[in-house]
N, C-alpha and C. Protein backbone atom coordinates (compact mmCIF):
# COMPACT_ATOMS: atom_id res chain seq x y z
N UNK A 1 0.38 -1.17 -0.20
CA UNK A 1 -0.23 -0.01 0.13
C UNK A 1 0.93 1.23 0.05
N UNK A 2 0.64 2.33 -0.86
CA UNK A 2 1.48 3.20 -0.84
C UNK A 2 1.11 4.14 0.60
N UNK A 3 2.30 4.87 0.90
CA UNK A 3 1.77 5.50 2.13
C UNK A 3 1.06 6.58 2.02
N UNK A 4 1.07 7.70 1.13
CA UNK A 4 -0.02 8.62 0.97
C UNK A 4 -1.51 7.93 1.05
N UNK A 5 -1.98 7.06 0.59
CA UNK A 5 -2.95 6.59 0.04
C UNK A 5 -3.75 5.53 2.08
N UNK A 6 -2.63 5.36 2.57
CA UNK A 6 -2.82 4.78 3.55
C UNK A 6 -3.17 5.56 4.56
N UNK A 7 -2.48 6.57 4.61
CA UNK A 7 -2.84 8.15 5.44
C UNK A 7 -3.84 8.30 4.82
N UNK A 8 -4.10 8.99 3.48
CA UNK A 8 -5.96 9.59 3.55
C UNK A 8 -6.95 8.62 4.29
N UNK A 9 -6.53 7.21 4.29
CA UNK A 9 -7.56 6.50 4.55
C UNK A 9 -7.41 6.51 6.12
N UNK A 10 -6.31 7.26 6.87
CA UNK A 10 -6.56 6.98 8.14
C UNK A 10 -7.47 8.40 8.26
N UNK A 11 -7.19 9.43 8.11
CA UNK A 11 -7.55 10.28 8.20
C UNK A 11 -9.20 10.47 7.58
N UNK A 12 -9.56 9.52 7.12
CA UNK A 12 -11.45 9.52 6.39
C UNK A 12 -11.51 8.36 7.65
N UNK A 13 -11.03 7.51 8.28
CA UNK A 13 -11.82 6.94 9.32
C UNK A 13 -11.88 5.60 8.86
N UNK A 14 -10.95 5.45 7.99
CA UNK A 14 -11.27 3.64 7.27
C UNK A 14 -10.78 2.84 7.97
N UNK A 15 -9.40 3.07 8.61
CA UNK A 15 -8.09 2.46 9.18
C UNK A 15 -8.03 2.90 10.72
N UNK A 16 -7.59 1.91 11.35
CA UNK A 16 -6.94 2.70 12.79
C UNK A 16 -5.37 3.33 12.43
N UNK A 17 -4.36 4.35 12.85
CA UNK A 17 -3.20 4.14 12.39
C UNK A 17 -2.43 3.01 11.98
N UNK A 18 -2.14 2.53 11.03
CA UNK A 18 -0.92 1.32 10.97
C UNK A 18 -1.92 0.05 10.47
N UNK A 19 -3.35 0.17 10.81
CA UNK A 19 -4.32 -1.20 10.46
C UNK A 19 -4.18 -1.30 9.31
N UNK A 20 -4.12 -1.44 8.39
CA UNK A 20 -4.23 -1.46 6.92
C UNK A 20 -4.12 -3.17 6.89
N UNK A 21 -3.60 -3.78 7.45
CA UNK A 21 -3.52 -5.37 7.35
C UNK A 21 -4.47 -6.04 8.29
N UNK A 22 -4.95 -5.40 8.99
CA UNK A 22 -6.18 -5.85 9.35
C UNK A 22 -7.84 -6.03 8.73
N UNK A 23 -7.88 -5.23 7.78
CA UNK A 23 -8.77 -5.40 6.47
C UNK A 23 -8.21 -6.84 5.99
N UNK A 24 -9.99 -7.22 5.41
CA UNK A 24 -9.40 -8.47 4.41
C UNK A 24 -8.83 -7.80 3.04
N UNK A 25 -8.96 -8.75 2.10
CA UNK A 25 -8.20 -8.36 0.99
C UNK A 25 -9.33 -7.99 0.27
N UNK A 26 -10.54 -8.61 0.61
CA UNK A 26 -11.71 -7.91 -0.65
C UNK A 26 -11.39 -6.32 -0.02
N UNK A 27 -11.83 -5.95 0.98
CA UNK A 27 -11.80 -5.17 1.34
C UNK A 27 -10.47 -4.30 0.56
N UNK A 28 -9.39 -4.45 1.05
CA UNK A 28 -8.06 -3.63 0.12
C UNK A 28 -7.86 -3.48 -1.12
N UNK A 29 -9.07 -4.36 -1.88
CA UNK A 29 -8.53 -4.05 -3.06
C UNK A 29 -9.88 -3.32 -3.54
N UNK A 30 -10.72 -3.12 -3.02
CA UNK A 30 -12.01 -2.43 -3.06
C UNK A 30 -11.52 -0.95 -2.61
N UNK A 31 -10.64 -0.77 -1.68
CA UNK A 31 -10.59 1.06 -1.62
C UNK A 31 -8.79 1.10 -2.43
N UNK A 32 -8.27 -0.01 -2.45
CA UNK A 32 -7.38 0.50 -3.38
C UNK A 32 -7.93 1.06 -5.26
N UNK A 33 -8.58 0.16 -5.33
CA UNK A 33 -9.75 0.34 -6.64
C UNK A 33 -10.16 1.97 -6.62
N UNK A 34 -10.91 2.19 -5.84
CA UNK A 34 -11.64 3.64 -5.23
C UNK A 34 -10.86 4.42 -5.37
N UNK A 35 -9.58 4.12 -4.65
CA UNK A 35 -8.57 5.81 -4.21
C UNK A 35 -7.95 5.59 -5.90
N UNK A 36 -7.51 4.48 -6.95
CA UNK A 36 -6.97 4.82 -7.95
C UNK A 36 -7.89 5.39 -8.99
N UNK A 37 -9.15 5.42 -9.05
CA UNK A 37 -10.34 5.45 -9.43
C UNK A 37 -10.02 7.24 -9.47
N UNK A 38 -10.31 7.67 -8.71
CA UNK A 38 -10.23 8.96 -7.53
C UNK A 38 -8.83 9.90 -8.55
N UNK A 39 -7.66 9.40 -8.08
CA UNK A 39 -6.34 10.02 -8.63
C UNK A 39 -6.41 10.08 -10.45
N UNK A 40 -7.10 8.74 -10.98
CA UNK A 40 -6.75 9.02 -12.09
C UNK A 40 -8.21 10.14 -12.50
N UNK A 41 -9.29 10.12 -12.51
CA UNK A 41 -10.12 11.06 -12.66
C UNK A 41 -9.44 12.54 -12.16
N UNK A 42 -9.06 12.56 -11.23
CA UNK A 42 -8.11 14.56 -11.06
C UNK A 42 -7.47 14.73 -11.94
N UNK A 43 -6.08 13.46 -12.07
CA UNK A 43 -5.20 13.92 -13.29
C UNK A 43 -6.24 14.26 -14.93
N UNK A 44 -7.03 13.12 -15.37
CA UNK A 44 -8.02 13.37 -16.30
C UNK A 44 -8.57 15.11 -16.58
N UNK A 45 -8.62 15.34 -15.15
CA UNK A 45 -9.49 16.85 -15.13
C UNK A 45 -8.31 17.65 -15.46
N UNK A 46 -7.02 17.88 -14.62
CA UNK A 46 -5.96 18.71 -14.71
C UNK A 46 -5.54 18.24 -16.69
N UNK A 47 -5.26 17.68 -16.98
CA UNK A 47 -5.13 17.53 -18.28
C UNK A 47 -6.00 18.40 -19.47
N UNK A 48 -7.38 18.13 -18.59
CA UNK A 48 -8.37 18.13 -19.77
C UNK A 48 -8.59 20.01 -19.41
N UNK A 49 -8.42 20.93 -18.35
CA UNK A 49 -7.57 22.12 -18.10
C UNK A 49 -6.46 22.14 -18.79
N UNK A 50 -5.95 21.45 -19.21
CA UNK A 50 -4.57 21.94 -19.33
C UNK A 50 -4.98 22.15 -21.42
N UNK A 51 -5.55 21.32 -22.07
CA UNK A 51 -5.84 20.76 -22.98
C UNK A 51 -6.50 22.06 -23.99
N UNK A 52 -5.76 22.47 -25.10
CA UNK A 52 -5.98 23.80 -26.16
C UNK A 52 -6.61 22.72 -27.51
N UNK A 53 -7.19 23.58 -27.69
CA UNK A 53 -8.29 23.33 -29.38
C UNK A 53 -7.05 24.03 -30.59
N UNK A 54 -6.68 23.27 -31.33
CA UNK A 54 -5.46 24.31 -32.59
C UNK A 54 -6.76 24.69 -33.35
N UNK A 55 -6.53 26.44 -33.67
CA UNK A 55 -7.46 26.74 -34.32
C UNK A 55 -7.30 26.40 -35.70
N UNK A 56 -6.66 26.50 -36.11
CA UNK A 56 -6.69 25.56 -37.31
C UNK A 56 -7.48 24.22 -37.68
N UNK A 57 -7.23 23.22 -36.55
CA UNK A 57 -7.46 22.09 -37.10
C UNK A 57 -8.32 21.68 -35.71
N UNK A 58 -9.70 22.13 -35.38
CA UNK A 58 -10.33 21.51 -34.39
C UNK A 58 -10.40 20.55 -34.01
N UNK A 59 -9.81 19.52 -34.62
CA UNK A 59 -10.14 18.44 -34.64
C UNK A 59 -8.50 17.43 -33.70
N UNK A 60 -7.79 18.81 -33.72
CA UNK A 60 -6.33 18.22 -32.96
C UNK A 60 -6.23 18.76 -31.67
N UNK A 61 -5.72 18.42 -30.73
CA UNK A 61 -5.75 19.26 -29.66
C UNK A 61 -4.54 18.69 -29.28
N UNK A 62 -3.78 19.58 -28.36
CA UNK A 62 -2.06 20.20 -27.63
C UNK A 62 -2.64 20.04 -26.16
N UNK A 63 -1.86 19.57 -25.40
CA UNK A 63 -1.85 19.63 -23.87
C UNK A 63 -0.74 20.09 -23.34
N UNK A 64 -1.28 21.54 -22.21
CA UNK A 64 0.00 22.51 -22.05
C UNK A 64 1.13 21.38 -21.33
N UNK A 65 2.29 21.26 -21.26
CA UNK A 65 2.88 20.80 -20.65
C UNK A 65 2.65 20.56 -19.21
N UNK A 66 3.37 21.57 -18.30
CA UNK A 66 2.73 22.05 -17.34
C UNK A 66 1.55 20.94 -16.52
N UNK A 67 0.47 20.96 -17.61
CA UNK A 67 -0.35 20.32 -17.07
C UNK A 67 -0.60 18.81 -16.81
N UNK A 68 0.51 18.54 -18.43
CA UNK A 68 0.55 17.03 -18.12
C UNK A 68 1.78 16.57 -16.42
N UNK A 69 2.34 17.28 -16.49
CA UNK A 69 3.96 17.57 -15.59
C UNK A 69 2.79 17.03 -14.41
N UNK A 70 1.72 18.15 -13.90
CA UNK A 70 1.41 17.72 -12.97
C UNK A 70 0.56 17.04 -12.85
N UNK A 71 -0.24 16.30 -13.50
CA UNK A 71 -1.13 15.07 -13.27
C UNK A 71 -0.05 13.92 -13.54
N UNK A 72 1.22 13.96 -14.22
CA UNK A 72 1.74 12.84 -13.63
C UNK A 72 2.38 13.05 -11.95
N UNK A 73 2.11 13.62 -11.91
CA UNK A 73 3.29 13.96 -10.36
C UNK A 73 2.09 13.31 -9.47
N UNK A 74 0.76 13.90 -9.64
CA UNK A 74 -0.21 13.25 -8.50
C UNK A 74 -0.01 11.67 -8.19
N UNK A 75 -0.16 11.05 -9.92
CA UNK A 75 0.08 9.46 -10.36
C UNK A 75 1.24 9.23 -9.44
N UNK A 76 2.40 9.58 -9.57
CA UNK A 76 3.17 9.39 -9.00
C UNK A 76 3.40 9.28 -7.73
N UNK A 77 2.96 10.37 -7.24
CA UNK A 77 3.15 10.67 -5.51
C UNK A 77 1.84 9.53 -5.25
N UNK A 78 0.80 9.18 -4.92
CA UNK A 78 -0.08 7.87 -4.93
C UNK A 78 -0.16 7.15 -5.90
N UNK A 79 0.72 6.26 -6.46
CA UNK A 79 1.42 5.34 -6.69
C UNK A 79 0.48 4.61 -8.12
N UNK A 80 0.07 5.18 -8.67
CA UNK A 80 -1.16 5.20 -9.24
C UNK A 80 -0.31 4.68 -10.74
N UNK A 81 0.03 3.23 -11.37
CA UNK A 81 0.43 3.47 -12.26
C UNK A 81 -0.93 4.04 -14.47
N UNK A 82 0.02 3.84 -15.03
CA UNK A 82 -1.17 4.42 -16.17
C UNK A 82 -1.05 3.00 -16.44
C-alpha cells in the first residue's frame, strides 16, 4: 500500500493508524481500486484544463506540458500506474 493513500484512509476514518493489514483482502482491493479511480479522474481533469484546441484544426488538441506534468506528479505521488 502506498503510504500517502494509507494516510488518507486513516484521516477518513477507514482504518486506525497502521491497521491496513487488519482489513480483509476484498476490502483492501476495493479501497485501492476506489483510490486509484479518484486519482485517475483528478489527473484527467487537470489534463482537460490544460488542453487547447488548435485553431486551424479543431479535431486536434495539444496539452500544455505543465498540466501534463502536474497530472503525472499526482499519479506518481499516489503510486497509480498508467
